[in-house]
C-alpha atoms as a PDB file:
ATOM      1  CA  MET A   1       0.000   0.000   0.000  1.00  0.00           C
ATOM      2  CA  ARG A   2       1.475   3.308  -1.119  1.00  0.00           C
ATOM      3  CA  LEU A   3      -0.321   6.384   0.059  1.00  0.00           C
ATOM      4  CA  VAL A   4       0.059  10.122   0.419  1.00  0.00           C
ATOM      5  CA  PHE A   5      -1.215  11.774   3.586  1.00  0.00           C
ATOM      6  CA  ILE A   6      -2.321  15.395   3.272  1.00  0.00           C
ATOM      7  CA  GLY A   7      -3.604  17.619   6.040  1.00  0.00           C
ATOM      8  CA  PRO A   8      -3.299  21.178   7.312  1.00  0.00           C
ATOM      9  CA  PRO A   9      -1.390  22.064  10.494  1.00  0.00           C
ATOM     10  CA  GLY A  10      -3.500  21.068  13.509  1.00  0.00           C
ATOM     11  CA  ALA A  11      -5.669  18.490  11.686  1.00  0.00           C
ATOM     12  CA  GLY A  12      -4.232  15.583  13.681  1.00  0.00           C
ATOM     13  CA  LYS A  13      -1.977  14.285  10.915  1.00  0.00           C
ATOM     14  CA  GLY A  14       0.727  13.199  13.383  1.00  0.00           C
ATOM     15  CA  THR A  15      -1.744  11.192  15.474  1.00  0.00           C
ATOM     16  CA  GLN A  16      -3.297   9.499  12.438  1.00  0.00           C
ATOM     17  CA  SER A  17       0.119   8.836  10.829  1.00  0.00           C
ATOM     18  CA  LYS A  18       1.191   6.803  13.870  1.00  0.00           C
ATOM     19  CA  ARG A  19      -2.006   4.748  13.763  1.00  0.00           C
ATOM     20  CA  LEU A  20      -1.725   4.219  10.009  1.00  0.00           C
ATOM     21  CA  LEU A  21       1.892   3.066  10.236  1.00  0.00           C
ATOM     22  CA  ALA A  22       1.015   0.566  12.953  1.00  0.00           C
ATOM     23  CA  TYR A  23      -1.981  -0.697  10.957  1.00  0.00           C
ATOM     24  CA  LEU A  24      -0.181  -1.023   7.610  1.00  0.00           C
ATOM     25  CA  GLY A  25       3.302  -1.925   8.844  1.00  0.00           C
ATOM     26  CA  VAL A  26       4.997   0.302   6.255  1.00  0.00           C
ATOM     27  CA  PRO A  27       7.713   2.956   6.635  1.00  0.00           C
ATOM     28  CA  HIS A  28       6.937   6.637   7.160  1.00  0.00           C
ATOM     29  CA  LEU A  29       8.591   8.761   4.474  1.00  0.00           C
ATOM     30  CA  SER A  30       9.086  12.402   5.393  1.00  0.00           C
ATOM     31  CA  THR A  31      11.180  14.380   2.907  1.00  0.00           C
ATOM     32  CA  GLY A  32      12.511  16.553   5.748  1.00  0.00           C
ATOM     33  CA  GLU A  33      13.824  13.483   7.565  1.00  0.00           C
ATOM     34  CA  MET A  34      15.191  11.987   4.327  1.00  0.00           C
ATOM     35  CA  LEU A  35      17.045  15.223   3.515  1.00  0.00           C
ATOM     36  CA  ARG A  36      18.562  15.395   7.005  1.00  0.00           C
ATOM     37  CA  GLU A  37      19.603  11.733   6.810  1.00  0.00           C
ATOM     38  CA  SER A  38      21.221  12.262   3.411  1.00  0.00           C
ATOM     39  CA  ILE A  39      23.163  15.257   4.771  1.00  0.00           C
ATOM     40  CA  THR A  40      24.256  13.291   7.865  1.00  0.00           C
ATOM     41  CA  ASN A  41      25.453  10.416   5.659  1.00  0.00           C
ATOM     42  CA  GLY A  42      27.532  12.896   3.677  1.00  0.00           C
ATOM     43  CA  ASP A  43      26.543  11.476   0.289  1.00  0.00           C
ATOM     44  CA  SER A  44      26.784  13.609  -2.858  1.00  0.00           C
ATOM     45  CA  VAL A  45      23.042  14.371  -3.050  1.00  0.00           C
ATOM     46  CA  GLY A  46      23.015  15.316   0.638  1.00  0.00           C
ATOM     47  CA  GLN A  47      25.914  17.721   0.106  1.00  0.00           C
ATOM     48  CA  VAL A  48      24.003  19.469  -2.691  1.00  0.00           C
ATOM     49  CA  ALA A  49      20.852  19.619  -0.523  1.00  0.00           C
ATOM     50  CA  GLU A  50      22.837  21.058   2.396  1.00  0.00           C
ATOM     51  CA  HIS A  51      24.173  23.821   0.145  1.00  0.00           C
ATOM     52  CA  TYR A  52      20.592  25.017  -0.502  1.00  0.00           C
ATOM     53  CA  MET A  53      19.308  24.487   3.042  1.00  0.00           C
ATOM     54  CA  SER A  54      22.221  26.333   4.657  1.00  0.00           C
ATOM     55  CA  GLN A  55      21.264  29.389   2.594  1.00  0.00           C
ATOM     56  CA  GLY A  56      17.611  29.095   3.611  1.00  0.00           C
ATOM     57  CA  ARG A  57      16.602  28.129   0.060  1.00  0.00           C
ATOM     58  CA  LEU A  58      14.224  25.378  -1.030  1.00  0.00           C
ATOM     59  CA  VAL A  59      15.946  22.220  -2.226  1.00  0.00           C
ATOM     60  CA  PRO A  60      15.181  21.824  -5.977  1.00  0.00           C
ATOM     61  CA  ASP A  61      12.632  19.171  -6.933  1.00  0.00           C
ATOM     62  CA  GLU A  62      15.151  17.065  -8.866  1.00  0.00           C
ATOM     63  CA  ILE A  63      17.368  16.750  -5.755  1.00  0.00           C
ATOM     64  CA  VAL A  64      14.372  15.859  -3.562  1.00  0.00           C
ATOM     65  CA  MET A  65      13.263  13.251  -6.120  1.00  0.00           C
ATOM     66  CA  ARG A  66      16.715  11.636  -6.183  1.00  0.00           C
ATOM     67  CA  ILE A  67      16.575  11.283  -2.393  1.00  0.00           C
ATOM     68  CA  VAL A  68      13.009   9.882  -2.569  1.00  0.00           C
ATOM     69  CA  GLU A  69      14.021   7.398  -5.280  1.00  0.00           C
ATOM     70  CA  HIS A  70      17.007   6.212  -3.240  1.00  0.00           C
ATOM     71  CA  ARG A  71      14.764   5.693  -0.194  1.00  0.00           C
ATOM     72  CA  LEU A  72      12.115   3.791  -2.191  1.00  0.00           C
ATOM     73  CA  GLU A  73      14.768   1.361  -3.432  1.00  0.00           C
ATOM     74  CA  GLN A  74      15.423   0.182   0.137  1.00  0.00           C
ATOM     75  CA  ALA A  75      13.997  -3.195   1.150  1.00  0.00           C
ATOM     76  CA  ASP A  76      11.576  -1.918   3.825  1.00  0.00           C
ATOM     77  CA  CYS A  77       9.619   0.007   1.141  1.00  0.00           C
ATOM     78  CA  SER A  78       8.906  -3.104  -0.950  1.00  0.00           C
ATOM     79  CA  SER A  79       5.425  -3.595   0.521  1.00  0.00           C
ATOM     80  CA  GLY A  80       4.509   0.098   0.592  1.00  0.00           C
ATOM     81  CA  CYS A  81       5.057   3.407   2.363  1.00  0.00           C
ATOM     82  CA  LEU A  82       3.328   6.475   3.731  1.00  0.00           C
ATOM     83  CA  PHE A  83       4.363   9.812   2.206  1.00  0.00           C
ATOM     84  CA  ASP A  84       3.916  12.644   4.691  1.00  0.00           C
ATOM     85  CA  GLY A  85       4.397  16.298   3.692  1.00  0.00           C
ATOM     86  CA  PHE A  86       5.250  15.256   0.141  1.00  0.00           C
ATOM     87  CA  PRO A  87       4.449  16.005  -2.595  1.00  0.00           C
ATOM     88  CA  ARG A  88       3.828  19.703  -2.011  1.00  0.00           C
ATOM     89  CA  THR A  89       3.434  20.868  -5.614  1.00  0.00           C
ATOM     90  CA  ILE A  90       1.894  19.567  -8.853  1.00  0.00           C
ATOM     91  CA  LYS A  91       5.379  19.181 -10.327  1.00  0.00           C
ATOM     92  CA  GLN A  92       6.444  17.003  -7.388  1.00  0.00           C
ATOM     93  CA  ALA A  93       3.211  14.970  -7.669  1.00  0.00           C
ATOM     94  CA  GLU A  94       3.824  14.344 -11.377  1.00  0.00           C
ATOM     95  CA  SER A  95       7.457  13.384 -10.726  1.00  0.00           C
ATOM     96  CA  LEU A  96       6.410  11.014  -7.926  1.00  0.00           C
ATOM     97  CA  ASP A  97       3.769   9.394 -10.178  1.00  0.00           C
ATOM     98  CA  GLU A  98       6.346   8.945 -12.943  1.00  0.00           C
ATOM     99  CA  LEU A  99       8.864   7.411 -10.518  1.00  0.00           C
ATOM    100  CA  LEU A 100       6.368   5.031  -8.874  1.00  0.00           C
ATOM    101  CA  THR A 101       4.935   3.934 -12.246  1.00  0.00           C
ATOM    102  CA  HIS A 102       8.475   3.254 -13.491  1.00  0.00           C
ATOM    103  CA  MET A 103       9.056   1.154 -10.371  1.00  0.00           C
ATOM    104  CA  GLY A 104       5.808  -0.748 -11.011  1.00  0.00           C
ATOM    105  CA  SER A 105       4.158   0.446  -7.790  1.00  0.00           C
ATOM    106  CA  PRO A 106       1.823   3.423  -8.398  1.00  0.00           C
ATOM    107  CA  LEU A 107       0.065   5.296  -5.597  1.00  0.00           C
ATOM    108  CA  ASP A 108      -2.939   3.473  -4.175  1.00  0.00           C
ATOM    109  CA  LEU A 109      -4.586   6.281  -2.237  1.00  0.00           C
ATOM    110  CA  VAL A 110      -4.339   9.923  -1.179  1.00  0.00           C
ATOM    111  CA  VAL A 111      -5.988  10.731   2.154  1.00  0.00           C
ATOM    112  CA  GLU A 112      -6.917  14.348   2.909  1.00  0.00           C
ATOM    113  CA  LEU A 113      -7.737  15.354   6.467  1.00  0.00           C
ATOM    114  CA  LYS A 114     -10.166  18.255   6.229  1.00  0.00           C
ATOM    115  CA  ALA A 115     -10.936  20.631   9.098  1.00  0.00           C
ATOM    116  CA  ASN A 116     -12.592  23.965   9.747  1.00  0.00           C
ATOM    117  CA  ARG A 117     -10.062  26.810   9.792  1.00  0.00           C
ATOM    118  CA  GLN A 118     -11.265  28.270  13.101  1.00  0.00           C
ATOM    119  CA  GLU A 119     -10.975  24.856  14.739  1.00  0.00           C
ATOM    120  CA  LEU A 120      -7.452  24.394  13.342  1.00  0.00           C
ATOM    121  CA  GLU A 121      -6.370  27.761  14.755  1.00  0.00           C
ATOM    122  CA  ARG A 122      -7.981  26.957  18.125  1.00  0.00           C
ATOM    123  CA  ARG A 123      -6.252  23.560  18.321  1.00  0.00           C
ATOM    124  CA  MET A 124      -2.856  24.983  17.386  1.00  0.00           C
ATOM    125  CA  LEU A 125      -3.069  27.844  19.874  1.00  0.00           C
ATOM    126  CA  TYR A 126      -4.053  25.364  22.588  1.00  0.00           C
ATOM    127  CA  ARG A 127      -1.122  23.089  21.637  1.00  0.00           C
ATOM    128  CA  ALA A 128       1.229  26.077  21.617  1.00  0.00           C
ATOM    129  CA  SER A 129       0.199  27.013  25.170  1.00  0.00           C
ATOM    130  CA  VAL A 130       0.478  23.419  26.469  1.00  0.00           C
ATOM    131  CA  GLU A 131       3.818  22.717  24.757  1.00  0.00           C
ATOM    132  CA  ARG A 132       5.100  26.272  25.340  1.00  0.00           C
ATOM    133  CA  ARG A 133       5.709  26.879  21.627  1.00  0.00           C
ATOM    134  CA  THR A 134       6.440  30.584  21.652  1.00  0.00           C
ATOM    135  CA  ASP A 135       6.840  30.714  17.856  1.00  0.00           C
ATOM    136  CA  ASP A 136       3.228  29.544  17.335  1.00  0.00           C
ATOM    137  CA  THR A 137       1.463  32.909  17.487  1.00  0.00           C
ATOM    138  CA  PRO A 138      -1.964  33.602  15.917  1.00  0.00           C
ATOM    139  CA  GLU A 139      -0.127  35.361  13.044  1.00  0.00           C
ATOM    140  CA  THR A 140       2.309  32.513  12.295  1.00  0.00           C
ATOM    141  CA  ILE A 141      -0.456  29.925  12.594  1.00  0.00           C
ATOM    142  CA  ALA A 142      -2.648  31.867  10.140  1.00  0.00           C
ATOM    143  CA  LYS A 143       0.305  32.159   7.753  1.00  0.00           C
ATOM    144  CA  ARG A 144       1.037  28.406   7.901  1.00  0.00           C
ATOM    145  CA  ILE A 145      -2.604  27.604   7.136  1.00  0.00           C
ATOM    146  CA  ASP A 146      -2.603  30.114   4.237  1.00  0.00           C
ATOM    147  CA  VAL A 147       0.521  28.510   2.742  1.00  0.00           C
ATOM    148  CA  TYR A 148      -1.013  25.052   3.108  1.00  0.00           C
ATOM    149  CA  CYS A 149      -4.231  26.150   1.380  1.00  0.00           C
ATOM    150  CA  ARG A 150      -2.341  27.793  -1.501  1.00  0.00           C
ATOM    151  CA  GLN A 151      -0.022  24.845  -2.072  1.00  0.00           C
ATOM    152  CA  THR A 152      -2.462  22.035  -1.478  1.00  0.00           C
ATOM    153  CA  ALA A 153      -5.647  23.041  -3.315  1.00  0.00           C
ATOM    154  CA  PRO A 154      -4.134  22.279  -6.760  1.00  0.00           C
ATOM    155  CA  LEU A 155      -2.761  18.948  -5.454  1.00  0.00           C
ATOM    156  CA  LEU A 156      -6.185  17.876  -4.220  1.00  0.00           C
ATOM    157  CA  ASN A 157      -7.676  18.619  -7.655  1.00  0.00           C
ATOM    158  CA  TYR A 158      -4.853  16.665  -9.314  1.00  0.00           C
ATOM    159  CA  TYR A 159      -5.476  13.555  -7.209  1.00  0.00           C
ATOM    160  CA  GLN A 160      -9.266  13.962  -7.422  1.00  0.00           C
ATOM    161  CA  ASP A 161      -8.974  13.853 -11.229  1.00  0.00           C
ATOM    162  CA  ARG A 162      -6.969  10.632 -10.911  1.00  0.00           C
ATOM    163  CA  GLY A 163      -9.713   9.100  -8.770  1.00  0.00           C
ATOM    164  CA  ILE A 164      -7.500   8.221  -5.803  1.00  0.00           C
ATOM    165  CA  LEU A 165      -8.403  11.024  -3.352  1.00  0.00           C
ATOM    166  CA  VAL A 166     -10.412  10.320  -0.203  1.00  0.00           C
ATOM    167  CA  THR A 167     -11.423  13.243   2.039  1.00  0.00           C
ATOM    168  CA  VAL A 168     -11.923  12.534   5.740  1.00  0.00           C
ATOM    169  CA  ASP A 169     -13.611  14.909   8.202  1.00  0.00           C
ATOM    170  CA  ALA A 170     -10.933  15.616  10.824  1.00  0.00           C
ATOM    171  CA  MET A 171     -13.307  17.540  13.112  1.00  0.00           C
ATOM    172  CA  ARG A 172     -14.338  14.392  14.979  1.00  0.00           C
ATOM    173  CA  SER A 173     -12.597  12.217  17.565  1.00  0.00           C
ATOM    174  CA  PRO A 174      -9.282  10.517  16.591  1.00  0.00           C
ATOM    175  CA  ASP A 175     -11.024   7.096  16.729  1.00  0.00           C
ATOM    176  CA  GLU A 176     -13.790   8.194  14.339  1.00  0.00           C
ATOM    177  CA  VAL A 177     -11.262   9.764  11.936  1.00  0.00           C
ATOM    178  CA  PHE A 178      -9.123   6.619  11.913  1.00  0.00           C
ATOM    179  CA  ALA A 179     -12.189   4.415  11.328  1.00  0.00           C
ATOM    180  CA  ASP A 180     -12.920   6.384   8.119  1.00  0.00           C
ATOM    181  CA  ILE A 181      -9.274   6.190   6.970  1.00  0.00           C
ATOM    182  CA  LYS A 182      -9.181   2.442   7.682  1.00  0.00           C
ATOM    183  CA  SER A 183     -12.427   1.939   5.765  1.00  0.00           C
ATOM    184  CA  ALA A 184     -10.958   3.726   2.708  1.00  0.00           C
ATOM    185  CA  LEU A 185      -7.757   1.634   2.906  1.00  0.00           C
ATOM    186  CA  ASP A 186      -9.701  -1.609   3.279  1.00  0.00           C
ATOM    187  CA  GLY A 187     -11.731  -0.691   0.183  1.00  0.00           C
ATOM    188  CA  VAL A 188      -8.571  -0.178  -1.876  1.00  0.00           C
ATOM    189  CA  GLN A 189      -7.048  -3.446  -0.644  1.00  0.00           C
ATOM    190  CA  SER A 190     -10.256  -5.320  -1.447  1.00  0.00           C
ATOM    191  CA  ARG A 191     -10.351  -3.907  -5.011  1.00  0.00           C
ATOM    192  CA  THR A 192      -6.670  -4.699  -5.518  1.00  0.00           C
ATOM    193  CA  ALA A 193      -7.196  -8.302  -4.392  1.00  0.00           C
ATOM    194  CA  LYS A 194     -10.189  -8.690  -6.738  1.00  0.00           C
ATOM    195  CA  ASN A 195      -8.225  -7.305  -9.701  1.00  0.00           C
ATOM    196  CA  ALA A 196      -5.316  -9.627  -8.959  1.00  0.00           C
ATOM    197  CA  ALA A 197      -7.667 -12.629  -8.765  1.00  0.00           C
ATOM    198  CA  GLY A 198      -9.718 -11.725 -11.808  1.00  0.00           C
END
């Protein structure tokens, strides 16, 4: 099972990611973590990525894709993976589709966690006060949600057109949200099994 997990800040993506990983038994692929690991390992791609990151610049898509490809070639990804925070743009989504199709393992599902903006801001301000996150002010939270909305709306349309997007209402309890995600995953696995048999 290969899936992309999309959700705005405060939608409970971290909580649901942990549950999903335990349920599916697949690795969690975060491009931020992969970039840091590549830099720590000192490989050539990591050195190029570090050059951009040290200047506060975005790492170019082709460098990110090389790191993603390298990670997907590792044995623990053979039965699937969960992409978190990637892709962020249509270009990245197209590159990921091309790569996965070439590898013979296209995306199975894209799960969007959807939540009311006011509720997201309330949750994040509460979390900031509990965890003493001084950088999470109402202004920075609003900005992060704006960036997410701008970047993600085109992605959702892209995956909707491909027929692999499932939208889950994240305004409910974590158990109810996970039940909907699990139901969507079970549906995909059932269809895949039928196609393989038929």
